[in-house]
Protein backbone atom coordinates (compact mmCIF):
# COMPACT_ATOMS: atom_id res chain seq x y z
CA MET A 1 -107.61 -63.74 94.85
CA ALA A 2 -109.93 -65.25 92.07
CA PHE A 3 -113.67 -65.94 92.17
CA GLU A 4 -115.52 -69.01 91.14
CA PRO A 5 -115.73 -69.48 87.49
CA ASP A 6 -119.53 -68.79 87.44
CA TYR A 7 -119.30 -65.77 89.53
CA GLY A 8 -119.57 -63.20 87.06
CA GLU A 9 -122.87 -64.54 85.40
CA THR A 10 -124.69 -64.73 88.66
CA LEU A 11 -127.52 -62.31 89.10
CA VAL A 12 -127.51 -59.84 92.14
CA SER A 13 -130.00 -60.97 94.75
CA ASP A 14 -133.18 -58.90 95.41
CA GLU A 15 -131.69 -58.19 98.74
CA GLU A 16 -128.46 -56.78 97.41
CA ALA A 17 -130.38 -54.86 94.53
CA GLU A 18 -132.35 -52.92 97.39
CA ALA A 19 -128.93 -51.66 98.91
CA LEU A 20 -127.90 -50.36 95.76
CA THR A 21 -127.95 -46.60 95.20
CA PRO A 22 -130.37 -45.26 92.40
CA ALA A 23 -127.45 -44.06 90.47
CA ALA A 24 -125.78 -47.45 90.41
CA ARG A 25 -129.08 -49.19 89.55
CA GLU A 26 -129.48 -46.93 86.56
CA ILE A 27 -125.87 -47.55 85.46
CA LEU A 28 -126.24 -51.45 85.85
CA GLY A 29 -129.66 -51.79 84.22
CA ASP A 30 -131.72 -54.93 84.65
CA PRO A 31 -131.15 -57.50 85.50
CA ILE A 32 -127.95 -56.87 87.33
CA ARG A 33 -125.09 -59.37 86.99
CA LYS A 34 -122.39 -59.64 89.54
CA ALA A 35 -119.64 -59.18 86.98
CA ASP A 36 -120.96 -55.81 85.97
CA LEU A 37 -121.34 -54.91 89.65
CA TYR A 38 -117.86 -55.95 90.31
CA ASP A 39 -116.50 -54.02 87.26
CA LEU A 40 -118.20 -50.89 88.48
CA GLU A 41 -116.67 -51.23 91.96
CA GLN A 42 -113.25 -52.00 90.48
CA GLN A 43 -113.48 -48.83 88.38
CA ILE A 44 -114.15 -46.63 91.32
CA GLN A 45 -111.45 -48.06 93.42
CA ALA A 46 -109.04 -47.55 90.72
CA GLU A 47 -110.06 -43.92 90.37
CA VAL A 48 -109.62 -43.46 94.13
CA ALA A 49 -106.35 -45.36 94.39
CA ASP A 50 -105.02 -43.50 91.40
CA GLU A 51 -105.79 -40.35 93.09
CA TRP A 52 -104.11 -41.14 96.37
CA TRP A 53 -101.07 -42.76 94.70
CA GLY A 54 -100.61 -39.55 93.02
CA ASN A 55 -100.92 -37.58 96.26
CA LEU A 56 -98.54 -39.76 97.85
CA LEU A 57 -95.81 -39.69 95.09
CA ASN A 58 -96.16 -36.07 94.73
CA TRP A 59 -96.49 -34.83 98.25
CA ASN A 60 -94.96 -35.86 101.57
CA VAL A 61 -98.07 -37.07 103.31
CA PRO A 62 -97.36 -38.24 106.89
CA VAL A 63 -98.29 -41.86 107.68
CA ARG A 64 -100.16 -40.49 110.82
CA ASP A 65 -102.53 -38.92 108.44
CA LEU A 66 -103.50 -42.21 106.90
CA LEU A 67 -103.68 -44.21 110.28
CA VAL A 68 -106.74 -42.47 111.65
CA ASP A 69 -110.41 -43.71 111.67
CA HIS A 70 -111.71 -40.71 109.87
CA PHE A 71 -109.52 -41.32 106.88
CA VAL A 72 -110.54 -44.97 106.75
CA ARG A 73 -114.18 -44.14 106.89
CA ASP A 74 -113.89 -41.55 104.17
CA LEU A 75 -112.10 -43.97 102.14
CA HIS A 76 -114.84 -46.63 102.47
CA ARG A 77 -117.29 -43.94 101.71
CA ARG A 78 -115.44 -42.90 98.39
CA LEU A 79 -115.17 -46.47 97.45
CA TYR A 80 -118.79 -47.58 98.06
CA ALA A 81 -121.15 -44.69 98.57
CA PRO A 82 -121.53 -44.29 94.77
CA VAL A 83 -122.75 -47.93 94.58
CA TRP A 84 -124.11 -48.85 97.98
CA GLU A 85 -126.37 -47.27 100.39
CA TRP A 86 -124.17 -48.41 103.18
CA GLY A 87 -121.09 -46.90 101.97
CA GLY A 88 -118.95 -45.25 104.56
CA ARG A 89 -121.49 -46.33 107.33
CA GLN A 90 -120.31 -48.38 110.45
CA ARG A 91 -121.65 -51.62 111.02
CA SER A 92 -124.47 -51.67 113.68
CA LEU A 93 -125.46 -55.39 113.78
CA GLU A 94 -123.48 -58.42 115.15
CA THR A 95 -121.92 -60.70 112.44
CA ASN A 96 -120.09 -63.97 112.65
CA ILE A 97 -116.86 -62.02 112.18
CA GLY A 98 -115.68 -58.93 113.79
CA ILE A 99 -116.18 -57.30 117.17
CA ALA A 100 -119.35 -56.09 118.76
CA PRO A 101 -120.76 -53.08 117.01
CA GLU A 102 -120.68 -50.98 120.19
CA LEU A 103 -116.79 -51.44 120.52
CA ILE A 104 -116.04 -50.61 116.73
CA ALA A 105 -115.29 -46.94 117.24
CA VAL A 106 -112.88 -47.38 120.06
CA GLU A 107 -111.16 -50.48 118.97
CA MET A 108 -110.55 -49.00 115.35
CA ARG A 109 -109.18 -45.87 116.87
CA ASN A 110 -106.96 -47.68 119.28
CA ALA A 111 -105.69 -49.95 116.69
CA LEU A 112 -104.64 -47.28 114.46
CA ASP A 113 -103.25 -44.85 117.09
CA ASN A 114 -101.24 -47.88 118.26
CA LEU A 115 -99.61 -48.26 114.81
CA SER A 116 -99.13 -44.66 114.23
CA TYR A 117 -97.29 -44.37 117.75
CA GLN A 118 -95.09 -47.33 116.70
CA TRP A 119 -94.26 -45.63 113.52
CA ASP A 120 -93.79 -42.20 114.97
CA HIS A 121 -91.54 -43.37 117.85
CA GLN A 122 -89.35 -45.63 115.67
CA THR A 123 -90.10 -48.74 117.75
CA GLY A 124 -88.61 -50.94 114.88
CA ILE A 125 -91.74 -51.57 112.91
CA LYS A 126 -90.86 -51.76 109.14
CA ALA A 127 -92.85 -50.24 106.36
CA ARG A 128 -93.78 -53.50 104.89
CA THR A 129 -95.15 -54.83 108.37
CA LEU A 130 -96.87 -51.48 108.97
CA GLY A 131 -99.35 -51.69 106.16
CA ILE A 132 -100.28 -55.28 106.56
CA ALA A 133 -100.73 -54.76 110.38
CA ALA A 134 -103.25 -52.06 109.64
CA HIS A 135 -105.10 -54.21 107.42
CA ALA A 136 -105.17 -57.24 109.65
CA ALA A 137 -106.05 -54.94 112.73
CA LEU A 138 -109.14 -53.48 110.81
CA VAL A 139 -110.27 -56.83 109.31
CA HIS A 140 -110.30 -58.14 112.90
CA VAL A 141 -112.49 -55.02 113.94
CA HIS A 142 -114.72 -55.59 110.71
CA PRO A 143 -116.05 -51.97 111.03
CA PHE A 144 -118.25 -51.81 107.87
CA VAL A 145 -121.20 -53.79 106.81
CA ASP A 146 -119.23 -55.06 103.61
CA GLY A 147 -116.13 -54.14 101.85
CA ASN A 148 -113.76 -54.42 104.71
CA GLY A 149 -111.29 -56.53 102.88
CA ARG A 150 -110.99 -54.20 100.04
CA VAL A 151 -110.98 -50.77 101.72
CA THR A 152 -108.32 -52.25 104.25
CA ARG A 153 -106.13 -53.62 101.45
CA LEU A 154 -106.08 -50.22 99.78
CA LEU A 155 -105.39 -48.56 103.22
CA ALA A 156 -102.42 -51.18 103.54
CA ASP A 157 -101.17 -50.02 100.03
CA LEU A 158 -101.40 -46.34 100.85
CA VAL A 159 -99.71 -46.73 104.27
CA PHE A 160 -96.88 -48.87 102.79
CA LEU A 161 -96.17 -46.33 100.14
CA ALA A 162 -96.30 -43.31 102.45
CA ALA A 163 -93.97 -45.07 104.89
CA GLN A 164 -91.37 -45.49 102.00
CA THR A 165 -90.77 -41.69 101.67
CA GLY A 166 -87.06 -41.14 100.53
CA LEU A 167 -86.60 -44.73 99.73
CA GLU A 168 -85.88 -46.49 96.46
CA PRO A 169 -87.05 -48.63 94.70
CA LEU A 170 -90.51 -48.07 95.91
CA LEU A 171 -92.32 -51.30 96.54
CA ALA A 172 -96.11 -52.27 96.60
CA TYR A 173 -97.89 -55.43 97.99
CA ASP A 174 -98.95 -57.89 95.46
CA TRP A 175 -102.52 -59.37 96.67
CA GLU A 176 -102.74 -62.09 94.02
CA VAL A 177 -102.32 -64.73 96.57
CA ASP A 178 -103.90 -68.03 97.61
CA ARG A 179 -107.20 -67.05 99.16
CA ARG A 180 -107.61 -69.98 101.56
CA THR A 181 -104.05 -69.24 103.01
CA TYR A 182 -104.84 -65.47 103.29
CA ILE A 183 -108.02 -66.29 105.12
CA ARG A 184 -106.35 -68.66 107.37
CA LEU A 185 -103.55 -66.22 108.31
CA LEU A 186 -106.05 -63.53 108.90
CA GLY A 187 -107.83 -65.96 111.24
CA GLU A 188 -104.31 -66.60 113.20
CA TYR A 189 -103.95 -62.85 113.47
CA ASP A 190 -107.32 -62.85 115.22
CA GLU A 191 -106.00 -65.32 117.88
CA THR A 192 -102.50 -63.88 118.25
CA ARG A 193 -102.83 -60.34 117.22
CA ASP A 194 -99.28 -60.92 115.37
CA ALA A 195 -99.22 -60.03 111.70
CA THR A 196 -95.68 -61.60 111.09
CA SER A 197 -96.93 -64.60 109.27
CA LEU A 198 -99.35 -62.51 106.96
CA VAL A 199 -96.42 -59.92 106.25
CA HIS A 200 -94.25 -62.90 105.16
CA PHE A 201 -96.93 -64.30 103.12
CA ILE A 202 -98.05 -61.32 101.09
CA PRO A 203 -95.31 -60.65 98.58
CA VAL A 204 -93.84 -57.19 97.48
CA VAL A 205 -93.02 -55.91 93.87
CA SER A 206 -91.40 -52.76 92.67
CA ILE A 207 -93.87 -50.15 91.93
CA GLU A 208 -92.23 -49.78 88.55
CA ASP A 209 -92.81 -53.49 87.55
CA TRP A 210 -96.38 -53.46 89.35
CA THR A 211 -97.75 -50.34 87.29
CA THR A 212 -96.49 -51.67 83.97
CA GLU A 213 -98.08 -55.29 84.09
């Protein structure tokens, strides 16, 4: 999902800069370009993702251990706390997307518990569906100030991989899709709570092909 051509040269606003951690501001220097900020976030995400991919490929981590709110909060903290003061913190204000802040904790837990139950009790949900359904459900809740899409896509990747234990070849989601269609399908999920269209839209590739690109 590409950004606008001039995105990277844009400077971070004063409001955004105030939300950065002192360590991030020192790394990024002055003035702070969005391209440099994005690169820093991507570097941290790659490190966290690589660690968890290694965990999942080398140990049999149960899916249920990933589909818990504490794991998602910790994943968000690890992705964003080195850069943003709000990293790992639950949203406390109303926004034009997501549910009311006072409902976040319960709805987040219920959504993840429901998916974990479906998987553990072999209700017919497939590995490919499970990860996307977790992503869509949490984007609907919108639990964090920012970074909801990125952290829930990573969660989807990890859940999908964990759910494929014992299968070959291992598959991964390919998130390089048309952004407008992706957002529209997330909106449809908000109305229907059915992730089927989104599952069909997000392609999958073999991990071997994906990691050697």
